[in-house]
């Protein structure tokens, strides 16, 4: 059985990837919101977060999305 930490990490990663592939802005925003929810739940499970989140995931999902938008332009 998959642990909660692994589940939330996997789902956040899947949502970030789906946001990256999204065709419309609304679909991308919806995926980023879901990714943020999973990242928040992941942080709640391990408040220290030392080994749970990768360095890139320490930022909010929306900050990451804005960086990607700039890179695509």
N, C-alpha and C. Protein backbone atom coordinates (compact mmCIF):
# COMPACT_ATOMS: atom_id res chain seq x y z
N UNK A 1 0.83 -1.17 0.00
CA UNK A 1 0.00 0.00 0.00
C UNK A 1 0.89 1.26 0.00
N UNK A 2 0.47 2.27 -0.71
CA UNK A 2 1.23 3.50 -0.87
C UNK A 2 1.06 4.39 0.38
N UNK A 3 2.16 4.95 0.86
CA UNK A 3 2.07 5.84 2.02
C UNK A 3 1.43 7.17 1.61
N UNK A 4 0.92 7.89 2.61
CA UNK A 4 0.31 9.20 2.34
C UNK A 4 1.31 10.16 1.71
N UNK A 5 2.52 10.16 2.25
CA UNK A 5 3.55 11.07 1.73
C UNK A 5 3.84 10.77 0.27
N UNK A 6 3.99 9.51 -0.05
CA UNK A 6 4.27 9.13 -1.44
C UNK A 6 3.09 9.47 -2.34
N UNK A 7 1.87 9.23 -1.86
CA UNK A 7 0.68 9.53 -2.65
C UNK A 7 0.59 11.02 -2.98
N UNK A 8 0.73 11.88 -1.95
CA UNK A 8 0.62 13.32 -2.17
C UNK A 8 1.75 13.84 -3.06
N UNK A 9 2.95 13.29 -2.90
CA UNK A 9 4.06 13.69 -3.75
C UNK A 9 3.79 13.29 -5.20
N UNK A 10 3.30 12.08 -5.40
CA UNK A 10 3.00 11.59 -6.75
C UNK A 10 1.89 12.40 -7.40
N UNK A 11 0.82 12.67 -6.65
CA UNK A 11 -0.31 13.42 -7.21
C UNK A 11 0.08 14.86 -7.53
N UNK A 12 0.88 15.49 -6.68
CA UNK A 12 1.34 16.85 -6.97
C UNK A 12 2.17 16.86 -8.24
N UNK A 13 3.04 15.88 -8.38
CA UNK A 13 3.87 15.77 -9.57
C UNK A 13 3.02 15.56 -10.82
N UNK A 14 2.02 14.70 -10.72
CA UNK A 14 1.13 14.44 -11.86
C UNK A 14 0.35 15.69 -12.25
N UNK A 15 -0.12 16.43 -11.27
CA UNK A 15 -0.88 17.65 -11.57
C UNK A 15 0.01 18.73 -12.18
N UNK A 16 1.25 18.85 -11.70
CA UNK A 16 2.17 19.82 -12.29
C UNK A 16 2.48 19.45 -13.74
N UNK A 17 2.65 18.16 -14.01
CA UNK A 17 2.90 17.72 -15.38
C UNK A 17 1.68 17.98 -16.26
N UNK A 18 0.50 17.72 -15.73
CA UNK A 18 -0.74 17.97 -16.49
C UNK A 18 -0.91 19.46 -16.75
N UNK A 19 -0.56 20.29 -15.79
CA UNK A 19 -0.64 21.75 -15.99
C UNK A 19 0.31 22.18 -17.10
N UNK A 20 1.45 21.55 -17.15
CA UNK A 20 2.42 21.86 -18.19
C UNK A 20 1.90 21.49 -19.59
N UNK A 21 1.08 20.45 -19.65
CA UNK A 21 0.53 20.00 -20.94
C UNK A 21 -0.81 20.65 -21.28
N UNK A 22 -1.39 21.39 -20.35
CA UNK A 22 -2.73 21.95 -20.55
C UNK A 22 -2.77 22.87 -21.76
N UNK A 23 -3.90 22.80 -22.47
CA UNK A 23 -4.08 23.59 -23.69
C UNK A 23 -4.64 24.96 -23.36
N UNK A 24 -5.61 25.02 -22.46
CA UNK A 24 -6.24 26.31 -22.13
C UNK A 24 -5.72 26.83 -20.80
N UNK A 25 -5.83 28.14 -20.64
CA UNK A 25 -5.37 28.77 -19.40
C UNK A 25 -6.20 28.31 -18.20
N UNK A 26 -7.50 28.11 -18.41
CA UNK A 26 -8.34 27.68 -17.29
C UNK A 26 -8.00 26.26 -16.84
N UNK A 27 -7.70 25.40 -17.80
CA UNK A 27 -7.31 24.02 -17.44
C UNK A 27 -5.98 24.04 -16.69
N UNK A 28 -5.06 24.86 -17.15
CA UNK A 28 -3.76 24.98 -16.49
C UNK A 28 -3.92 25.50 -15.07
N UNK A 29 -4.75 26.53 -14.90
CA UNK A 29 -4.98 27.09 -13.57
C UNK A 29 -5.62 26.06 -12.64
N UNK A 30 -6.58 25.30 -13.14
CA UNK A 30 -7.25 24.28 -12.34
C UNK A 30 -6.25 23.22 -11.88
N UNK A 31 -5.36 22.81 -12.78
CA UNK A 31 -4.33 21.81 -12.42
C UNK A 31 -3.35 22.37 -11.41
N UNK A 32 -3.01 23.65 -11.53
CA UNK A 32 -2.08 24.26 -10.58
C UNK A 32 -2.71 24.37 -9.19
N UNK A 33 -4.00 24.64 -9.15
CA UNK A 33 -4.69 24.69 -7.86
C UNK A 33 -4.65 23.31 -7.21
N UNK A 34 -4.94 22.28 -7.98
CA UNK A 34 -4.89 20.92 -7.43
C UNK A 34 -3.47 20.56 -6.97
N UNK A 35 -2.47 20.93 -7.74
CA UNK A 35 -1.08 20.67 -7.34
C UNK A 35 -0.78 21.36 -6.02
N UNK A 36 -1.25 22.60 -5.87
CA UNK A 36 -1.05 23.33 -4.62
C UNK A 36 -1.71 22.65 -3.44
N UNK A 37 -2.90 22.11 -3.66
CA UNK A 37 -3.61 21.39 -2.59
C UNK A 37 -2.79 20.17 -2.15
N UNK A 38 -2.29 19.40 -3.12
CA UNK A 38 -1.51 18.21 -2.77
C UNK A 38 -0.19 18.59 -2.10
N UNK A 39 0.45 19.68 -2.53
CA UNK A 39 1.69 20.12 -1.88
C UNK A 39 1.42 20.58 -0.45
N UNK A 40 0.30 21.26 -0.23
CA UNK A 40 -0.06 21.69 1.12
C UNK A 40 -0.31 20.49 2.03
N UNK A 41 -0.99 19.48 1.51
CA UNK A 41 -1.24 18.26 2.31
C UNK A 41 0.07 17.54 2.60
N UNK A 42 0.97 17.55 1.64
CA UNK A 42 2.27 16.93 1.84
C UNK A 42 3.06 17.66 2.93
N UNK A 43 3.03 18.98 2.90
CA UNK A 43 3.71 19.76 3.94
C UNK A 43 3.09 19.52 5.31
N UNK A 44 1.78 19.35 5.36
CA UNK A 44 1.10 19.12 6.64
C UNK A 44 1.51 17.78 7.27
N UNK A 45 1.82 16.81 6.44
CA UNK A 45 2.24 15.51 6.95
C UNK A 45 3.64 15.55 7.54
N UNK A 46 4.49 16.39 6.96
CA UNK A 46 5.87 16.50 7.43
C UNK A 46 6.27 17.96 7.48
N UNK A 47 5.90 18.67 8.57
CA UNK A 47 6.16 20.11 8.66
C UNK A 47 7.64 20.47 8.52
N UNK A 48 8.53 19.60 8.98
CA UNK A 48 9.96 19.85 8.81
C UNK A 48 10.33 19.81 7.34
N UNK A 49 9.74 18.88 6.62
CA UNK A 49 9.88 18.78 5.18
C UNK A 49 11.29 18.57 4.67
N UNK A 50 12.19 18.14 5.52
CA UNK A 50 13.58 18.01 5.11
C UNK A 50 13.77 17.18 3.85
N UNK A 51 13.28 15.95 3.84
CA UNK A 51 13.50 15.10 2.69
C UNK A 51 12.26 14.83 1.87
N UNK A 52 11.15 15.45 2.23
CA UNK A 52 9.90 15.13 1.55
C UNK A 52 9.75 15.86 0.24
N UNK A 53 10.06 17.15 0.22
CA UNK A 53 9.87 17.95 -0.99
C UNK A 53 11.20 18.21 -1.66
N UNK A 54 11.21 18.14 -2.97
CA UNK A 54 12.39 18.51 -3.73
C UNK A 54 12.58 20.02 -3.64
N UNK A 55 13.76 20.49 -3.92
CA UNK A 55 14.06 21.92 -3.80
C UNK A 55 13.11 22.76 -4.63
N UNK A 56 12.77 22.33 -5.82
CA UNK A 56 11.88 23.08 -6.70
C UNK A 56 10.46 23.13 -6.19
N UNK A 57 10.09 22.19 -5.34
CA UNK A 57 8.72 22.14 -4.84
C UNK A 57 8.53 22.96 -3.57
N UNK A 58 9.59 23.57 -3.07
CA UNK A 58 9.47 24.38 -1.87
C UNK A 58 8.67 25.64 -2.15
N UNK A 59 8.67 26.10 -3.39
CA UNK A 59 7.91 27.28 -3.76
C UNK A 59 6.45 26.89 -4.00
N UNK A 60 5.58 27.87 -3.97
CA UNK A 60 4.17 27.62 -4.26
C UNK A 60 4.03 27.20 -5.72
N UNK A 61 3.04 26.40 -6.00
CA UNK A 61 2.82 25.92 -7.36
C UNK A 61 2.58 27.08 -8.32
N UNK A 62 1.91 28.13 -7.86
CA UNK A 62 1.64 29.27 -8.74
C UNK A 62 2.92 30.00 -9.11
N UNK A 63 3.87 30.09 -8.18
CA UNK A 63 5.15 30.71 -8.49
C UNK A 63 5.86 29.92 -9.58
N UNK A 64 5.80 28.60 -9.46
CA UNK A 64 6.40 27.73 -10.46
C UNK A 64 5.73 27.92 -11.81
N UNK A 65 4.41 28.04 -11.81
CA UNK A 65 3.67 28.21 -13.05
C UNK A 65 4.03 29.52 -13.72
N UNK A 66 4.18 30.57 -12.95
CA UNK A 66 4.55 31.86 -13.52
C UNK A 66 5.93 31.81 -14.16
N UNK A 67 6.86 31.11 -13.53
CA UNK A 67 8.19 30.96 -14.11
C UNK A 67 8.13 30.22 -15.43
N UNK A 68 7.30 29.19 -15.51
CA UNK A 68 7.16 28.42 -16.75
C UNK A 68 6.55 29.26 -17.84
N UNK A 69 5.60 30.11 -17.49
CA UNK A 69 4.96 30.97 -18.48
C UNK A 69 5.96 31.92 -19.09
N UNK A 70 6.86 32.44 -18.27
CA UNK A 70 7.87 33.36 -18.76
C UNK A 70 8.84 32.63 -19.68
N UNK A 71 9.21 31.41 -19.31
CA UNK A 71 10.13 30.64 -20.13
C UNK A 71 9.53 30.29 -21.49
N UNK A 72 8.23 30.04 -21.55
CA UNK A 72 7.59 29.67 -22.81
C UNK A 72 7.47 30.86 -23.76
N UNK A 73 7.38 32.06 -23.21
CA UNK A 73 7.17 33.25 -24.05
C UNK A 73 8.40 33.62 -24.86
